[in-house]
Amino acid sequence: MLVVKIGGAAGNNMDTVCEDIAALIKQGQKVILVHGGSDETNAVSEKLGHPPKFVTSPSGFSSRYTDRETLEIFAMVTSGKINTLLVERLQKLGVNAFGLSGVDGRLLEAKRKEAVRAVENGRVRMLHDDHTGTIQTVNAALLQTLMDAGLTPVVAPLAISPEGVALNVDADRAAAMIAGALKAESLVILTNVPGLMRHFPDESTLMPNIERAKLGEALKFAEGRMKKKVLGASEAIDQGVQRVIFADSRVHFPVSSALSGKGTVIA
């Protein structure tokens, strides 16, 4: 079992990723693809006159502030457009892909955050009416049923609360929870950089290997969105995933390259 997460930032090569996944599936590999959609959501939000707002938590993690209108734009872009086009790419390559979001069949159930703590001008504020959540459970049986039917799940990063409210969830952590629930051998997190670097953006400082016991120490090297990826990696390892790899989506055969040890391997 292999879970692949492709980021939503500019520069990620979706075509190359899909071609590599299709080749692996034809070799008998079972794959679940999880995707983001941050950059396109930002662009569409601007066009619709509802520009994105990002907040930083007291612990230094950055995330999208998601009011109801932002949630609907996020769902339109990720579940409506990006998910459908990824499924289309894979279908053209002979993969019987099946697109869904975490809302469908309660694939991802999450606890809605009552309020978001954000640092603004050096002070901590509480932001309400936020539609983000922390994933609590994964409907692994649903994914297994799809795969047993010969389908390849492609998952958009939305979840459902116990009360039935759709929520925006972090795609890296969604991939980690899915990998953990299915006891995946590997989780490959693809992004538009080679991996975790000691001195970002100096690619010569790439950290090729990190012992799982020292993953917490590695967090101090993570910049920006990489912080959430390190957190997701830690959650996956804690749930029994054998290895997590941060790797470059811009190279040829990015997933195969990652599985051969390129990037940052956590094991």
Protein backbone atom coordinates (compact mmCIF):
# COMPACT_ATOMS: atom_id res chain seq x y z
CA MET A 1 0.00 0.00 0.00
CA LEU A 2 1.29 3.42 -1.02
CA VAL A 3 -0.22 6.83 -0.27
CA VAL A 4 0.96 9.74 -2.42
CA LYS A 5 0.21 13.37 -1.63
CA ILE A 6 0.73 16.01 -4.30
CA GLY A 7 0.84 19.62 -3.16
CA GLY A 8 -1.33 22.44 -4.39
CA ALA A 9 1.47 25.00 -4.70
CA ALA A 10 2.68 26.37 -8.03
CA GLY A 11 5.42 24.35 -9.71
CA ASN A 12 4.13 20.86 -8.92
CA ASN A 13 4.07 18.75 -12.08
CA MET A 14 0.73 16.93 -12.00
CA ASP A 15 1.25 15.26 -15.40
CA THR A 16 4.55 13.65 -14.43
CA VAL A 17 3.14 12.50 -11.10
CA CYS A 18 0.10 10.89 -12.74
CA GLU A 19 2.25 9.16 -15.37
CA ASP A 20 4.47 7.68 -12.66
CA ILE A 21 1.50 6.58 -10.54
CA ALA A 22 -0.09 4.93 -13.58
CA ALA A 23 3.12 3.00 -14.28
CA LEU A 24 3.31 1.81 -10.66
CA ILE A 25 -0.33 0.70 -10.66
CA LYS A 26 0.22 -1.30 -13.85
CA GLN A 27 3.06 -3.06 -12.01
CA GLY A 28 0.59 -4.12 -9.30
CA GLN A 29 1.15 -1.34 -6.76
CA LYS A 30 -1.94 -0.18 -4.83
CA VAL A 31 -1.99 3.62 -4.63
CA ILE A 32 -4.16 6.27 -3.01
CA LEU A 33 -3.60 9.82 -4.25
CA VAL A 34 -4.35 12.78 -1.98
CA HIS A 35 -4.07 16.31 -3.36
CA GLY A 36 -4.10 19.92 -2.25
CA GLY A 37 -5.25 23.03 -4.05
CA SER A 38 -3.94 26.08 -2.23
CA ASP A 39 -2.62 28.18 -5.11
CA GLU A 40 -5.66 27.78 -7.34
CA THR A 41 -7.99 28.46 -4.41
CA ASN A 42 -6.10 31.69 -3.80
CA ALA A 43 -6.44 32.73 -7.45
CA VAL A 44 -10.14 31.93 -7.67
CA SER A 45 -10.83 33.64 -4.33
CA GLU A 46 -9.21 36.82 -5.66
CA LYS A 47 -11.26 36.67 -8.88
CA LEU A 48 -14.48 36.21 -6.89
CA GLY A 49 -13.73 39.23 -4.70
CA HIS A 50 -13.14 37.22 -1.55
CA PRO A 51 -9.34 37.27 -1.19
CA PRO A 52 -7.67 34.57 0.93
CA LYS A 53 -6.68 35.21 4.50
CA PHE A 54 -3.91 33.30 6.24
CA VAL A 55 -3.26 33.17 9.95
CA THR A 56 -0.28 32.06 12.02
CA SER A 57 -0.81 30.13 15.24
CA PRO A 58 1.20 30.91 18.40
CA SER A 59 3.27 27.77 17.65
CA GLY A 60 4.21 29.10 14.20
CA PHE A 61 1.95 27.06 11.92
CA SER A 62 0.35 28.94 9.03
CA SER A 63 -3.15 28.02 7.77
CA ARG A 64 -6.01 29.37 5.70
CA TYR A 65 -8.76 31.15 7.63
CA THR A 66 -11.90 29.50 6.28
CA ASP A 67 -15.21 31.25 6.69
CA ARG A 68 -18.24 29.70 4.98
CA GLU A 69 -17.70 31.53 1.68
CA THR A 70 -14.05 30.49 1.60
CA LEU A 71 -15.06 26.89 2.32
CA GLU A 72 -17.41 26.89 -0.66
CA ILE A 73 -14.70 28.30 -2.93
CA PHE A 74 -12.21 25.73 -1.58
CA ALA A 75 -14.71 22.90 -2.25
CA MET A 76 -15.40 24.21 -5.77
CA VAL A 77 -11.70 24.32 -6.63
CA THR A 78 -10.39 21.18 -4.91
CA SER A 79 -13.27 18.74 -5.10
CA GLY A 80 -14.89 20.24 -8.19
CA LYS A 81 -12.00 21.08 -10.52
CA ILE A 82 -8.64 19.71 -9.34
CA ASN A 83 -9.99 16.33 -8.26
CA THR A 84 -11.94 15.85 -11.48
CA LEU A 85 -8.99 16.78 -13.69
CA LEU A 86 -6.63 14.46 -11.80
CA VAL A 87 -9.11 11.63 -12.30
CA GLU A 88 -9.28 12.57 -15.99
CA ARG A 89 -5.47 12.45 -16.29
CA LEU A 90 -5.32 9.01 -14.69
CA GLN A 91 -8.22 7.67 -16.77
CA LYS A 92 -6.37 8.74 -19.95
CA LEU A 93 -3.41 6.72 -18.67
CA GLY A 94 -5.53 3.61 -18.21
CA VAL A 95 -6.09 3.91 -14.46
CA ASN A 96 -9.68 3.49 -13.26
CA ALA A 97 -9.46 6.40 -10.83
CA PHE A 98 -12.32 7.31 -8.49
CA GLY A 99 -12.52 10.87 -7.21
CA LEU A 100 -14.01 11.75 -3.85
CA SER A 101 -13.56 14.15 -0.98
CA GLY A 102 -13.44 13.40 2.72
CA VAL A 103 -17.10 14.48 2.92
CA ASP A 104 -18.23 11.55 0.74
CA GLY A 105 -19.25 8.53 2.80
CA ARG A 106 -17.74 10.26 5.85
CA LEU A 107 -14.35 9.25 4.52
CA LEU A 108 -12.68 11.81 6.80
CA GLU A 109 -14.49 12.81 9.97
CA ALA A 110 -13.05 15.83 11.72
CA LYS A 111 -13.65 17.87 14.84
CA ARG A 112 -14.46 21.44 13.93
CA LYS A 113 -12.31 24.03 15.63
CA GLU A 114 -14.50 26.23 17.83
CA ALA A 115 -12.08 29.10 17.33
CA VAL A 116 -8.68 29.68 15.79
CA ARG A 117 -5.89 31.31 17.78
CA ALA A 118 -3.97 33.69 15.55
CA VAL A 119 -1.05 36.02 16.17
CA GLU A 120 -1.67 39.50 14.74
CA ASN A 121 0.68 42.40 15.42
CA GLY A 122 2.28 40.47 18.25
CA ARG A 123 -1.01 39.72 20.01
CA VAL A 124 -3.06 36.53 20.11
CA ARG A 125 -6.62 36.85 18.78
CA MET A 126 -9.47 34.33 18.71
CA LEU A 127 -11.12 33.99 15.28
CA HIS A 128 -14.59 32.47 15.16
CA ASP A 129 -16.82 31.12 12.34
CA ASP A 130 -13.93 29.04 11.04
CA HIS A 131 -14.70 25.98 8.92
CA THR A 132 -11.50 24.01 9.51
CA GLY A 133 -11.09 20.81 11.45
CA THR A 134 -8.75 18.19 12.84
CA ILE A 135 -9.28 14.70 11.43
CA GLN A 136 -10.36 12.19 14.05
CA THR A 137 -11.29 9.09 12.01
CA VAL A 138 -10.78 7.68 8.52
CA ASN A 139 -13.33 5.39 6.85
CA ALA A 140 -10.67 2.89 5.83
CA ALA A 141 -13.31 0.31 4.91
CA LEU A 142 -14.64 2.62 2.20
CA LEU A 143 -11.20 3.04 0.64
CA GLN A 144 -10.58 -0.70 0.87
CA THR A 145 -13.90 -1.41 -0.86
CA LEU A 146 -12.98 0.92 -3.71
CA MET A 147 -9.55 -0.67 -4.12
CA ASP A 148 -11.00 -4.20 -3.95
CA ALA A 149 -13.23 -3.16 -6.86
CA GLY A 150 -10.14 -2.22 -8.88
CA LEU A 151 -10.49 1.54 -8.38
CA THR A 152 -7.76 4.03 -7.46
CA PRO A 153 -9.03 6.62 -4.94
CA VAL A 154 -8.17 10.27 -5.54
CA VAL A 155 -8.99 12.27 -2.40
CA ALA A 156 -9.69 16.00 -2.03
CA PRO A 157 -8.88 17.59 1.38
CA LEU A 158 -12.34 18.16 2.80
CA ALA A 159 -13.85 16.46 5.84
CA ILE A 160 -17.20 16.22 7.59
CA SER A 161 -17.93 17.02 11.22
CA PRO A 162 -20.06 14.70 13.42
CA GLU A 163 -22.83 17.29 12.99
CA GLY A 164 -22.60 17.10 9.19
CA VAL A 165 -20.72 20.34 8.49
CA ALA A 166 -18.15 20.31 5.67
CA LEU A 167 -14.66 21.38 6.78
CA ASN A 168 -11.35 22.35 5.20
CA VAL A 169 -8.56 20.07 6.44
CA ASP A 170 -4.82 20.13 5.84
CA ALA A 171 -4.00 17.84 2.88
CA ASP A 172 -0.65 16.68 4.30
CA ARG A 173 -2.25 15.61 7.55
CA ALA A 174 -5.17 14.03 5.65
CA ALA A 175 -2.69 11.93 3.69
CA ALA A 176 -0.94 10.99 6.92
CA MET A 177 -4.18 9.89 8.57
CA ILE A 178 -5.18 7.85 5.51
CA ALA A 179 -1.76 6.20 5.36
CA GLY A 180 -1.96 5.38 9.06
CA ALA A 181 -5.50 4.00 8.87
CA LEU A 182 -4.56 1.68 6.01
CA LYS A 183 -1.18 0.71 7.51
CA ALA A 184 0.55 1.86 4.35
CA GLU A 185 4.14 0.85 3.83
CA SER A 186 5.07 4.29 2.52
CA LEU A 187 3.72 7.84 2.43
CA VAL A 188 5.26 10.01 -0.28
CA ILE A 189 4.67 13.75 0.12
CA LEU A 190 5.51 15.51 -3.14
CA THR A 191 6.21 19.21 -3.27
CA ASN A 192 8.05 21.77 -5.41
CA VAL A 193 11.33 21.45 -3.47
CA PRO A 194 13.73 18.46 -3.14
CA GLY A 195 12.84 17.76 0.50
CA LEU A 196 13.59 19.18 3.93
CA MET A 197 16.60 21.49 3.95
CA ARG A 198 18.70 22.66 6.89
CA HIS A 199 18.97 26.12 5.35
CA PHE A 200 16.02 26.78 3.06
CA PRO A 201 16.14 27.47 0.11
CA ASP A 202 19.72 26.17 -0.28
CA GLU A 203 19.11 22.80 -1.93
CA SER A 204 22.67 21.69 -1.15
CA THR A 205 21.59 21.47 2.51
CA LEU A 206 19.00 18.76 1.80
CA MET A 207 18.59 16.35 4.72
CA PRO A 208 18.50 12.92 2.99
CA ASN A 209 17.65 10.86 6.07
CA ILE A 210 15.95 11.54 9.38
CA GLU A 211 15.54 8.95 12.11
CA ARG A 212 11.94 8.76 13.28
CA ALA A 213 13.06 9.36 16.86
CA LYS A 214 14.60 12.67 15.79
CA LEU A 215 11.68 13.93 13.72
CA GLY A 216 10.70 16.43 16.41
CA GLU A 217 14.14 18.02 16.20
CA ALA A 218 13.78 18.34 12.42
CA LEU A 219 10.79 20.65 12.86
CA LYS A 220 13.13 23.57 13.62
CA PHE A 221 14.47 23.37 10.04
CA ALA A 222 11.01 23.47 8.45
CA GLU A 223 9.95 26.75 6.84
CA GLY A 224 6.40 27.78 5.95
CA ARG A 225 4.22 24.95 4.66
CA MET A 226 6.95 22.42 5.36
CA LYS A 227 6.03 22.65 9.04
CA LYS A 228 2.68 20.98 8.36
CA LYS A 229 4.40 18.30 6.29
CA VAL A 230 6.75 17.44 9.15
CA LEU A 231 3.77 17.32 11.52
CA GLY A 232 1.93 15.02 9.11
CA ALA A 233 4.99 12.79 8.81
CA SER A 234 5.15 12.50 12.60
CA GLU A 235 1.47 11.52 12.77
CA ALA A 236 1.91 8.90 10.04
CA ILE A 237 4.95 7.36 11.73
CA ASP A 238 3.09 7.28 15.06
CA GLN A 239 0.29 5.31 13.38
CA GLY A 240 2.62 2.64 12.02
CA VAL A 241 3.55 3.87 8.55
CA GLN A 242 7.00 2.41 7.89
CA ARG A 243 8.49 5.40 6.12
CA VAL A 244 7.60 8.90 4.98
CA ILE A 245 9.40 10.58 2.10
CA PHE A 246 9.43 14.28 1.22
CA ALA A 247 10.29 14.44 -2.46
CA ASP A 248 10.42 16.67 -5.54
CA SER A 249 7.43 16.52 -7.90
CA ARG A 250 9.34 18.37 -10.65
CA VAL A 251 11.65 15.48 -11.59
CA HIS A 252 10.93 12.62 -13.98
CA PHE A 253 9.27 9.67 -12.23
CA PRO A 254 8.91 11.57 -8.94
CA VAL A 255 7.17 8.79 -6.99
CA SER A 256 9.54 6.05 -8.16
CA SER A 257 12.47 8.34 -7.45
CA ALA A 258 11.21 8.93 -3.92
CA LEU A 259 10.70 5.21 -3.32
CA SER A 260 14.31 4.62 -4.42
CA GLY A 261 15.48 6.96 -1.65
CA LYS A 262 15.65 10.39 -3.28
CA GLY A 263 14.47 13.31 -1.18
CA THR A 264 14.17 13.25 2.62
CA VAL A 265 13.47 9.75 3.94
CA ILE A 266 12.04 9.38 7.45
CA ALA A 267 12.17 5.84 8.77
